[in-house]
Structure formats: structure tokens, C-alpha cells
Amino acid sequence: MSRVRDRIVVRLRERGRPAESVTLPRPLTWDEAHHRDAIRWIERLYRVWNDGSLTLKAALKEISGQSDKTGADHTLTWEQIADALEASRVQQSEKCSADTFRKNWRPFIDHAVKLINTGKVHDGYSLLKTALKNWEGSSTMKVECGRYLGLFMQFAVSRHNAPGTWLISKFDKDELIPKAAKPKLKAVLTDAEMLRLIELADSVNPRWGNVFRLLTQFGLRPIELQHLSSRPHPVNGKPAIWCDYCKVGGEEETEPRFLEAMYVRDANDQPMTWPLEQAMADGTLLLPTGRDGDARKLSGSSVNTYIHRKSRSTGKPSGAVQTYWAELVEQYANQKPSQWLRPYSFRDSYSIRCHREGVPVASICDAMGHSEAVHMRSYRTMTLGMRTRDFAAETGTIPLPR
């Protein structure tokens, strides 16, 4: 055994036979971290070589599919398998977008590859056990870690001949991953609260008022704010707003769609809408701009940043909008059960208003851009006020026996 740069080379010289040599595949390199794994490889190589029944190259090829490592000399490195998985999910099967893969998959997969390359993990169980330490204190992240690493290892074994010992079983997950915390109850804003927030935004920056109008009236995902354009409605010919956002993968796949306005009720309980469709068609619907004067690329992150903006000097909410939002967050958090208020709550509030006003479920789902199964599983469809209203009736009273 010798070293060539950082690689491990196994050489064989035997009387009466040509000299042979093979290079052990990456990530096995000449360093202390890979010493133990290199010894395992050489021991296997010797057994398969079997006193010359195979050449060293043939023996190396045979043990490659049995090894605890995946390397470039016989298949792909773990880094390349991670890239291949991204190509499979994003380009081939179109199960998710490149941005979703980068945000959701990469943190777990890149951490796993790093652990494998240290030589300190040798199978799926030890990989998961070690990887989970990076997300101590977050049961949700641990569940996600188990899910994404399980799929990564399944891909490595089924598509790139990694040893089956790298598979992460349900038994492994049940043992190592704590039960996920009960999902938070998502808050839904009342019509009066949304109208007040918009009123405050208009007093400071009407462009942000228009952002909240769009979120309120159409139940948008915040990211859809950057995917809107004006088109004539194909049924009535009136100006309408077209959303070309296309979400692939996950539970909530979305096709481009025309948006449907859902009214809010004012202080007099009258249904009201804003003429947003006409304003967009006329080019008068003004939205926030950046410092350069160009239109901002709006998303969940930008809305969240604006609504939670704090003063650098005091650390308190920076304006009337932010102060009111902070009050609402605290108000909903203190309810029993506690409710979670976030910018996405505008979408759940749209759902609630549609159900409150009796819009058929199929129409609600089509307008929101998801299936009925996703809607019933993931969105608020009922409030205590609606339930109380539905059961309220003028009735007679049957006396109780004395």
C-alpha cells in the first residue's frame, strides 16, 4: 500500500506475474479519518483476489457493490449522487422546483454527505443517528431529516448501487426520531382586523396596503404576488387577474389559474371588494419598490420582513402596521388553544370567508389552486363563531322533570 498525492494505492508484486495496482475510490483518502475504512477495503480486496484467481482490478470491481463507500472509480461519489437526486427530482420527474430542493433537501443531504466522508458513519442507522444531533431541540426538523435522508439513501441504493446497509428503515426512524409536535393551530384574521391592517398600511405606504388587499381578496400564497398579470376573464370578458405560479411536488401542487375575489364584510356587515382587477388592467395598481425604484420581488420572506420590521434603536415594532401586527400575534398566541399568526394566515382567512359565505368546496379549492384533499387536510375551514352560528336557532323549550 502506498500514497499517491492524497489517494491510497494498493500494489501487488508476485513472482511470475505482472505487477498490478489499483487506487481505492474516493472518499477514501490517505488520512487518519479514512484509515479504518481503508483497512476494511484492503482486507476485502485480498479475500476476493483469492491468491490470484482474479486480477486486482476485477477484485476491486466486485467488492465495489458490497462496500460501505461509494466512489468515483467505480460509480459516483456521494456528492455526485446528491446532485443526481436533485436532477431526478427537479428536471426528470419535476417533483419539486430547484428552489424547493435547495431550501428543503440540501441542508439535510449535504450534512449527510459530510458525515459519510468523515468515515465516522458506516450504514443508514449510524448516519441518521449522527445527523439528528445537528437538529437537537427541534422535533419537526428531526422528522424532516429522517424523511429526506431516507429518500436520499433509497435513491443511492436503487439507482447507484450503494450497499443496502445504507437504507434507513421505518424501525430506525421510530427508534431515533421523537414523535413530531402537534401542529400549531393556524390563526385566521377577522374581516375587521384585515381592514384595520390595510387602513394602517395606507396611512404609511399605500403600496403595501395594496399588497395586503391582494392577499386578503384573493387568498394568495405570498410568493404568488410576483406571478400576477392582467387578462380578460374567459367567461365574462371583464378584467381579471391571472396567476402563472406553478407549484410542483409536495402535497399542494398548483396549476396557473384565474383568481376569484372573495369579499370582506365591513362594519355594517355589507360585502365589499376592491377594484383590484381593473386597477391592474389600467396599470394603476401600485406595489412596493426597492431603493433603486424598481418593483420589489415580493415573496413570503419580504412580506414577513416588512410586517415584523423593528426599530434599530429601540428594538420595538417600527411603525403602526408592525405594532398592530405584533398585537395580533400576541392576541392569537394567548388564546386557548394558542393560534399561530403569520402572513400565510391571509390565505387561511380567505378559506374561512369562502366557507362562511357558503361557496361550494370544489369552487374554493379551484380558486385557491389545490385539491380538495389538500384543502381539508391543510386549511382552516371552520371557526367557533361559524359553528355557533350554524347551530343557532329559535326553538321552544321542553321543561325538565322536577
Protein backbone atom coordinates (compact mmCIF):
# COMPACT_ATOMS: atom_id res chain seq x y z
CA MET A 1 0.00 0.00 0.00
CA SER A 2 1.36 3.43 -0.92
CA ARG A 3 0.31 7.05 -1.21
CA VAL A 4 -0.04 8.95 -4.48
CA ARG A 5 -0.94 12.54 -3.65
CA ASP A 6 -3.88 12.01 -1.28
CA ARG A 7 -5.03 8.70 -2.81
CA ILE A 8 -4.49 5.16 -1.47
CA VAL A 9 -2.85 2.81 -3.98
CA VAL A 10 -2.69 -0.95 -3.43
CA ARG A 11 0.16 -2.64 -5.31
CA LEU A 12 0.79 -6.34 -5.92
CA ARG A 13 4.10 -7.83 -6.98
CA GLU A 14 4.26 -11.60 -7.32
CA ARG A 15 6.97 -13.70 -8.93
CA GLY A 16 5.94 -14.89 -12.36
CA ARG A 17 3.09 -12.39 -12.75
CA PRO A 18 2.90 -8.80 -14.00
CA ALA A 19 2.80 -6.15 -11.29
CA GLU A 20 -0.68 -4.79 -10.58
CA SER A 21 -2.05 -1.75 -8.79
CA VAL A 22 -5.44 -0.24 -8.05
CA THR A 23 -6.49 3.03 -6.47
CA LEU A 24 -9.14 2.88 -3.78
CA PRO A 25 -12.13 5.07 -4.68
CA ARG A 26 -12.95 8.37 -3.08
CA PRO A 27 -13.86 9.41 -0.49
CA LEU A 28 -11.16 7.05 0.82
CA THR A 29 -8.03 9.18 1.08
CA TRP A 30 -4.67 8.94 2.83
CA ASP A 31 -5.61 10.43 6.18
CA GLU A 32 -6.46 9.31 9.67
CA ALA A 33 -10.20 9.76 9.20
CA HIS A 34 -10.29 7.06 6.50
CA HIS A 35 -7.66 4.73 7.95
CA ARG A 36 -10.13 2.19 9.36
CA ASP A 37 -12.25 2.12 6.20
CA ALA A 38 -9.18 1.70 4.01
CA ILE A 39 -8.11 -1.34 6.03
CA ARG A 40 -11.58 -2.87 5.55
CA TRP A 41 -11.36 -2.33 1.81
CA ILE A 42 -7.91 -3.90 1.57
CA GLU A 43 -9.00 -6.92 3.63
CA ARG A 44 -11.99 -7.45 1.33
CA LEU A 45 -9.82 -6.92 -1.71
CA TYR A 46 -7.43 -9.62 -0.51
CA ARG A 47 -10.23 -12.12 0.14
CA VAL A 48 -11.82 -11.59 -3.27
CA TRP A 49 -8.45 -11.63 -5.06
CA ASN A 50 -8.13 -15.17 -3.63
CA ASP A 51 -4.49 -15.92 -4.38
CA GLY A 52 -4.69 -14.65 -7.92
CA SER A 53 -7.98 -16.12 -9.11
CA LEU A 54 -8.93 -12.55 -10.08
CA THR A 55 -6.88 -9.54 -11.05
CA LEU A 56 -6.78 -6.68 -8.56
CA LYS A 57 -8.96 -4.55 -10.84
CA ALA A 58 -11.55 -7.32 -11.15
CA ALA A 59 -11.49 -7.88 -7.39
CA LEU A 60 -11.95 -4.15 -6.76
CA LYS A 61 -14.88 -4.02 -9.14
CA GLU A 62 -16.52 -6.98 -7.39
CA ILE A 63 -16.28 -5.51 -3.90
CA SER A 64 -17.43 -2.06 -5.01
CA GLY A 65 -21.09 -3.04 -4.80
CA GLN A 66 -20.54 -4.51 -1.33
CA SER A 67 -18.60 -1.61 0.16
CA ASP A 68 -19.57 0.96 2.72
CA LYS A 69 -18.30 3.65 0.38
CA THR A 70 -19.37 4.96 -2.98
CA GLY A 71 -16.57 6.41 -5.05
CA ALA A 72 -15.77 7.88 -8.42
CA ASP A 73 -13.57 5.00 -9.59
CA HIS A 74 -16.44 2.52 -9.66
CA THR A 75 -19.62 4.58 -9.58
CA LEU A 76 -20.33 8.09 -8.23
CA THR A 77 -19.18 9.98 -5.20
CA TRP A 78 -21.80 10.80 -2.60
CA GLU A 79 -21.66 14.43 -3.75
CA GLN A 80 -22.46 13.29 -7.29
CA ILE A 81 -25.30 11.08 -6.06
CA ALA A 82 -26.75 14.11 -4.25
CA ASP A 83 -26.55 16.10 -7.49
CA ALA A 84 -28.12 13.20 -9.38
CA LEU A 85 -31.00 13.13 -6.90
CA GLU A 86 -31.57 16.84 -7.45
CA ALA A 87 -31.64 16.30 -11.21
CA SER A 88 -34.08 13.42 -10.75
CA ARG A 89 -36.48 15.40 -8.55
CA VAL A 90 -36.25 18.75 -10.34
CA GLN A 91 -35.61 18.01 -14.02
CA GLN A 92 -36.74 14.46 -14.72
CA SER A 93 -39.77 13.79 -12.53
CA GLU A 94 -40.48 17.51 -11.84
CA LYS A 95 -41.45 16.60 -8.29
CA CYS A 96 -40.20 19.94 -6.94
CA SER A 97 -38.59 23.18 -8.05
CA ALA A 98 -34.86 23.85 -7.85
CA ASP A 99 -35.52 26.44 -5.15
CA THR A 100 -37.54 23.97 -3.07
CA PHE A 101 -34.81 21.33 -3.37
CA ARG A 102 -32.18 23.85 -2.30
CA LYS A 103 -34.16 25.01 0.72
CA ASN A 104 -35.73 21.74 1.89
CA TRP A 105 -33.45 18.92 0.74
CA ARG A 106 -29.94 20.31 0.58
CA PRO A 107 -29.38 21.15 4.28
CA PHE A 108 -30.01 17.52 5.25
CA ILE A 109 -28.35 15.84 2.26
CA ASP A 110 -25.21 17.98 2.32
CA HIS A 111 -24.83 17.35 6.05
CA ALA A 112 -25.20 13.60 5.45
CA VAL A 113 -22.56 13.62 2.71
CA LYS A 114 -20.20 15.47 5.01
CA LEU A 115 -20.71 12.86 7.74
CA ILE A 116 -20.17 9.96 5.33
CA ASN A 117 -16.96 11.50 4.06
CA THR A 118 -15.54 11.68 7.58
CA GLY A 119 -15.70 7.88 7.76
CA LYS A 120 -17.47 8.02 11.12
CA VAL A 121 -20.75 6.53 9.88
CA HIS A 122 -21.00 3.21 8.08
CA ASP A 123 -24.70 2.49 7.48
CA GLY A 124 -28.11 4.13 7.39
CA TYR A 125 -28.73 3.75 11.11
CA SER A 126 -25.45 5.34 12.21
CA LEU A 127 -25.86 8.07 9.60
CA LEU A 128 -29.33 9.03 10.82
CA LYS A 129 -28.33 8.81 14.48
CA THR A 130 -25.37 11.12 13.95
CA ALA A 131 -27.15 13.51 11.59
CA LEU A 132 -30.02 14.09 14.02
CA LYS A 133 -27.61 15.64 16.54
CA ASN A 134 -27.41 18.67 14.27
CA TRP A 135 -31.09 19.41 14.94
CA GLU A 136 -31.31 18.86 18.68
CA GLY A 137 -34.26 20.65 20.21
CA SER A 138 -36.40 20.64 17.07
CA SER A 139 -38.63 17.61 16.71
CA THR A 140 -40.05 18.92 13.43
CA MET A 141 -36.59 19.24 11.87
CA LYS A 142 -35.70 15.74 13.07
CA VAL A 143 -38.76 14.33 11.33
CA GLU A 144 -37.79 16.18 8.15
CA CYS A 145 -34.20 14.93 8.47
CA GLY A 146 -35.41 11.33 8.67
CA ARG A 147 -37.70 11.78 5.68
CA TYR A 148 -35.16 13.41 3.36
CA LEU A 149 -32.23 11.18 4.33
CA GLY A 150 -34.43 8.11 3.93
CA LEU A 151 -35.29 9.14 0.38
CA PHE A 152 -31.65 10.04 -0.36
CA MET A 153 -30.39 6.62 0.75
CA GLN A 154 -33.19 4.86 -1.13
CA PHE A 155 -32.13 6.71 -4.28
CA ALA A 156 -28.44 5.87 -3.70
CA VAL A 157 -29.17 2.16 -3.29
CA SER A 158 -31.73 1.73 -6.06
CA ARG A 159 -30.13 3.97 -8.69
CA HIS A 160 -26.40 3.95 -7.92
CA ASN A 161 -25.70 0.56 -6.34
CA ALA A 162 -24.84 1.82 -2.88
CA PRO A 163 -24.90 -1.08 -0.38
CA GLY A 164 -28.30 -1.91 1.06
CA THR A 165 -26.94 -1.27 4.55
CA TRP A 166 -27.29 2.45 3.81
CA LEU A 167 -31.08 2.18 3.70
CA ILE A 168 -32.86 3.87 6.61
CA SER A 169 -35.76 1.72 7.78
CA LYS A 170 -39.00 2.72 9.45
CA PHE A 171 -37.73 0.88 12.52
CA ASP A 172 -34.64 3.12 12.54
CA LYS A 173 -36.79 6.25 12.34
CA ASP A 174 -39.22 5.06 15.03
CA GLU A 175 -36.31 4.44 17.39
CA LEU A 176 -34.29 7.58 16.72
CA ILE A 177 -36.84 10.29 15.92
CA PRO A 178 -39.20 11.63 18.58
CA LYS A 179 -42.86 11.98 17.81
CA ALA A 180 -43.50 15.23 15.98
CA ALA A 181 -45.07 18.00 17.97
CA LYS A 182 -48.78 18.56 17.42
CA PRO A 183 -49.19 21.06 14.55
CA LYS A 184 -49.96 24.59 15.66
CA LEU A 185 -53.48 25.84 15.10
CA LYS A 186 -53.24 28.44 12.35
CA ALA A 187 -54.84 31.77 13.12
CA VAL A 188 -57.42 33.32 10.80
CA LEU A 189 -57.94 37.07 10.79
CA THR A 190 -61.38 38.58 11.13
CA ASP A 191 -62.64 40.90 8.39
CA ALA A 192 -62.35 43.85 10.77
CA GLU A 193 -58.72 43.01 11.60
CA MET A 194 -57.73 42.79 7.94
CA LEU A 195 -59.49 46.08 7.15
CA ARG A 196 -57.74 47.78 10.07
CA LEU A 197 -54.34 46.48 8.97
CA ILE A 198 -54.92 47.75 5.43
CA GLU A 199 -56.07 51.13 6.79
CA LEU A 200 -52.86 51.47 8.79
CA ALA A 201 -50.72 50.39 5.81
CA ASP A 202 -52.43 53.00 3.61
CA SER A 203 -51.58 55.72 6.13
CA VAL A 204 -47.87 54.86 5.85
CA ASN A 205 -47.37 53.37 2.38
CA PRO A 206 -50.42 52.64 0.18
CA ARG A 207 -48.28 50.31 -1.95
CA TRP A 208 -48.06 47.93 1.00
CA GLY A 209 -51.78 48.45 1.54
CA ASN A 210 -52.26 47.03 -1.96
CA VAL A 211 -50.14 44.00 -1.05
CA PHE A 212 -52.45 43.24 1.86
CA ARG A 213 -55.51 43.85 -0.33
CA LEU A 214 -54.28 41.25 -2.82
CA LEU A 215 -53.51 38.73 -0.08
CA THR A 216 -56.91 39.34 1.53
CA GLN A 217 -59.16 39.42 -1.52
CA PHE A 218 -57.62 36.50 -3.43
CA GLY A 219 -56.17 34.28 -0.69
CA LEU A 220 -52.75 34.26 -2.35
CA ARG A 221 -49.66 32.44 -1.27
CA PRO A 222 -47.26 35.35 -0.66
CA ILE A 223 -44.90 34.06 -3.37
CA GLU A 224 -47.73 34.37 -5.91
CA LEU A 225 -47.52 38.16 -5.63
CA GLN A 226 -44.67 38.06 -8.16
CA HIS A 227 -46.67 35.96 -10.64
CA LEU A 228 -49.68 38.19 -11.34
CA SER A 229 -50.81 39.79 -14.60
CA SER A 230 -54.00 41.19 -16.09
CA ARG A 231 -56.07 39.22 -18.60
CA PRO A 232 -59.68 39.33 -19.78
CA HIS A 233 -61.75 36.72 -18.00
CA PRO A 234 -62.61 33.93 -20.48
CA VAL A 235 -66.22 33.71 -19.25
CA ASN A 236 -67.39 37.31 -18.80
CA GLY A 237 -64.67 39.25 -20.63
CA LYS A 238 -64.07 41.55 -17.66
CA PRO A 239 -60.56 42.40 -16.44
CA ALA A 240 -59.25 39.56 -14.29
CA ILE A 241 -56.01 38.67 -12.57
CA TRP A 242 -54.08 35.69 -13.88
CA CYS A 243 -51.60 33.88 -11.62
CA ASP A 244 -48.98 31.91 -13.54
CA TYR A 245 -47.36 30.41 -10.44
CA CYS A 246 -46.87 26.68 -10.86
CA LYS A 247 -46.06 24.68 -7.75
CA VAL A 248 -44.83 21.12 -8.25
CA GLY A 249 -44.16 18.41 -5.70
CA GLY A 250 -45.20 18.14 -2.10
CA GLU A 251 -48.82 17.87 -1.09
CA GLU A 252 -50.06 21.09 -2.67
CA GLU A 253 -49.43 21.08 -6.42
CA THR A 254 -50.70 24.16 -8.25
CA GLU A 255 -51.56 24.97 -11.84
CA PRO A 256 -51.79 28.54 -13.22
CA ARG A 257 -55.26 29.97 -12.67
CA PHE A 258 -57.57 32.98 -12.77
CA LEU A 259 -58.08 34.46 -9.32
CA GLU A 260 -61.50 34.85 -7.73
CA ALA A 261 -62.27 37.75 -5.39
CA MET A 262 -63.83 36.84 -2.05
CA TYR A 263 -65.44 39.83 -0.37
CA VAL A 264 -64.96 41.01 3.18
CA ARG A 265 -67.79 42.37 5.31
CA ASP A 266 -67.49 45.94 6.53
CA ALA A 267 -68.60 47.41 9.87
CA ASN A 268 -72.21 47.38 8.62
CA ASP A 269 -71.94 43.70 7.63
CA GLN A 270 -72.06 44.62 3.94
CA PRO A 271 -69.96 42.59 1.44
CA MET A 272 -67.22 44.74 -0.09
CA THR A 273 -64.42 44.22 -2.62
CA TRP A 274 -61.68 46.46 -4.02
CA PRO A 275 -61.42 47.03 -7.82
CA LEU A 276 -58.01 45.38 -7.95
CA GLU A 277 -58.62 43.65 -11.28
CA GLN A 278 -59.45 46.93 -13.03
CA ALA A 279 -56.54 48.74 -11.38
CA MET A 280 -54.11 46.08 -12.58
CA ALA A 281 -55.57 46.26 -16.09
CA ASP A 282 -55.21 50.07 -16.06
CA GLY A 283 -51.66 49.90 -14.72
CA THR A 284 -52.61 51.91 -11.62
CA LEU A 285 -52.19 49.15 -9.03
CA LEU A 286 -49.01 50.34 -7.33
CA LEU A 287 -46.89 47.86 -5.40
CA PRO A 288 -43.74 48.34 -3.27
CA THR A 289 -40.49 49.32 -4.95
CA GLY A 290 -36.88 48.82 -3.91
CA ARG A 291 -34.29 51.51 -3.23
CA ASP A 292 -33.50 51.62 -6.93
CA GLY A 293 -37.11 52.47 -7.72
CA ASP A 294 -37.80 49.18 -9.47
CA ALA A 295 -40.64 46.92 -8.40
CA ARG A 296 -39.72 44.67 -5.49
CA LYS A 297 -39.75 40.92 -5.91
CA LEU A 298 -42.44 40.11 -3.36
CA SER A 299 -42.47 36.81 -1.51
CA GLY A 300 -43.29 35.31 1.85
CA SER A 301 -39.91 36.46 3.10
CA SER A 302 -40.36 40.09 2.01
CA VAL A 303 -43.88 40.31 3.46
CA ASN A 304 -42.69 38.72 6.69
CA THR A 305 -39.73 41.12 6.89
CA TYR A 306 -41.96 44.16 6.38
CA ILE A 307 -44.63 43.15 8.84
CA HIS A 308 -42.08 42.30 11.57
CA ARG A 309 -39.75 45.26 10.95
CA LYS A 310 -38.28 46.67 14.16
CA SER A 311 -36.55 49.90 15.08
CA ARG A 312 -32.78 49.55 15.30
CA SER A 313 -32.62 51.95 18.23
CA THR A 314 -35.45 50.56 20.39
CA GLY A 315 -35.92 47.00 19.11
CA LYS A 316 -39.67 47.63 19.07
CA PRO A 317 -42.03 47.42 16.05
CA SER A 318 -41.03 50.20 13.68
CA GLY A 319 -44.44 51.60 12.77
CA ALA A 320 -48.21 51.45 13.12
CA VAL A 321 -48.55 48.40 10.87
CA GLN A 322 -45.84 46.46 12.68
CA THR A 323 -47.20 47.45 16.11
CA TYR A 324 -50.71 46.31 15.22
CA TRP A 325 -49.42 43.05 13.76
CA ALA A 326 -47.39 42.36 16.90
CA GLU A 327 -50.52 42.94 18.99
CA LEU A 328 -52.46 40.49 16.83
CA VAL A 329 -49.69 37.87 17.07
CA GLU A 330 -49.75 38.12 20.86
CA GLN A 331 -53.54 38.13 20.98
CA TYR A 332 -53.85 34.93 18.97
CA ALA A 333 -50.95 33.25 20.76
CA ASN A 334 -52.69 33.84 24.10
CA GLN A 335 -55.96 32.26 23.03
CA LYS A 336 -56.95 28.77 24.19
CA PRO A 337 -55.88 26.88 22.20
CA SER A 338 -52.97 29.03 21.11
CA GLN A 339 -53.06 30.12 17.46
CA TRP A 340 -50.18 30.88 15.11
CA LEU A 341 -50.47 34.11 13.12
CA ARG A 342 -48.22 34.61 10.09
CA PRO A 343 -48.51 36.22 6.62
CA TYR A 344 -49.86 32.91 5.25
CA SER A 345 -52.86 33.45 7.56
CA PHE A 346 -54.39 35.70 4.88
CA ARG A 347 -54.80 32.54 2.80
CA ASP A 348 -56.49 30.62 5.61
CA SER A 349 -58.69 33.65 6.24
CA TYR A 350 -59.78 33.58 2.58
CA SER A 351 -60.70 29.92 3.02
CA ILE A 352 -62.74 30.70 6.13
CA ARG A 353 -64.65 33.53 4.42
CA CYS A 354 -65.49 31.29 1.48
CA HIS A 355 -66.84 28.58 3.78
CA ARG A 356 -68.64 31.17 5.91
CA GLU A 357 -70.45 32.55 2.86
CA GLY A 358 -71.41 29.13 1.51
CA VAL A 359 -69.14 28.87 -1.55
CA PRO A 360 -69.03 25.22 -2.72
CA VAL A 361 -65.87 23.40 -1.63
CA ALA A 362 -64.90 22.47 -5.19
CA SER A 363 -65.01 26.13 -6.24
CA ILE A 364 -62.98 27.21 -3.20
CA CYS A 365 -60.27 24.67 -3.96
CA ASP A 366 -60.12 25.56 -7.64
CA ALA A 367 -59.82 29.26 -6.82
CA MET A 368 -57.06 28.60 -4.27
CA GLY A 369 -55.16 26.28 -6.61
CA HIS A 370 -55.15 22.98 -4.73
CA SER A 371 -57.08 19.73 -4.41
CA GLU A 372 -59.99 19.10 -2.07
CA ALA A 373 -57.88 16.56 -0.15
CA VAL A 374 -55.17 19.16 0.48
CA HIS A 375 -57.77 21.76 1.40
CA MET A 376 -59.46 19.63 4.03
CA ARG A 377 -56.15 18.44 5.45
CA SER A 378 -54.16 21.68 5.47
CA TYR A 379 -56.52 24.67 5.69
CA ARG A 380 -58.87 26.12 8.25
CA THR A 381 -62.48 25.59 7.23
CA MET A 382 -64.29 26.35 10.49
CA THR A 383 -64.21 28.80 13.38
CA LEU A 384 -66.06 28.74 16.68
CA GLY A 385 -68.15 31.70 15.54
CA MET A 386 -69.25 29.88 12.38
CA ARG A 387 -70.09 26.73 14.31
CA THR A 388 -72.13 28.67 16.86
CA ARG A 389 -73.99 30.43 14.05
CA ASP A 390 -74.77 27.15 12.31
CA PHE A 391 -76.29 25.63 15.43
CA ALA A 392 -78.20 28.74 16.50
CA ALA A 393 -81.98 28.51 16.13
CA GLU A 394 -85.12 29.92 17.71
CA THR A 395 -86.58 26.92 19.49
CA GLY A 396 -89.16 26.12 22.07
CA THR A 397 -88.12 24.68 25.42
CA ILE A 398 -89.14 21.30 26.80
CA PRO A 399 -89.30 21.57 30.59
CA LEU A 400 -87.09 19.25 32.59
CA PRO A 401 -88.80 16.95 35.09
CA ARG A 402 -88.79 18.15 38.70
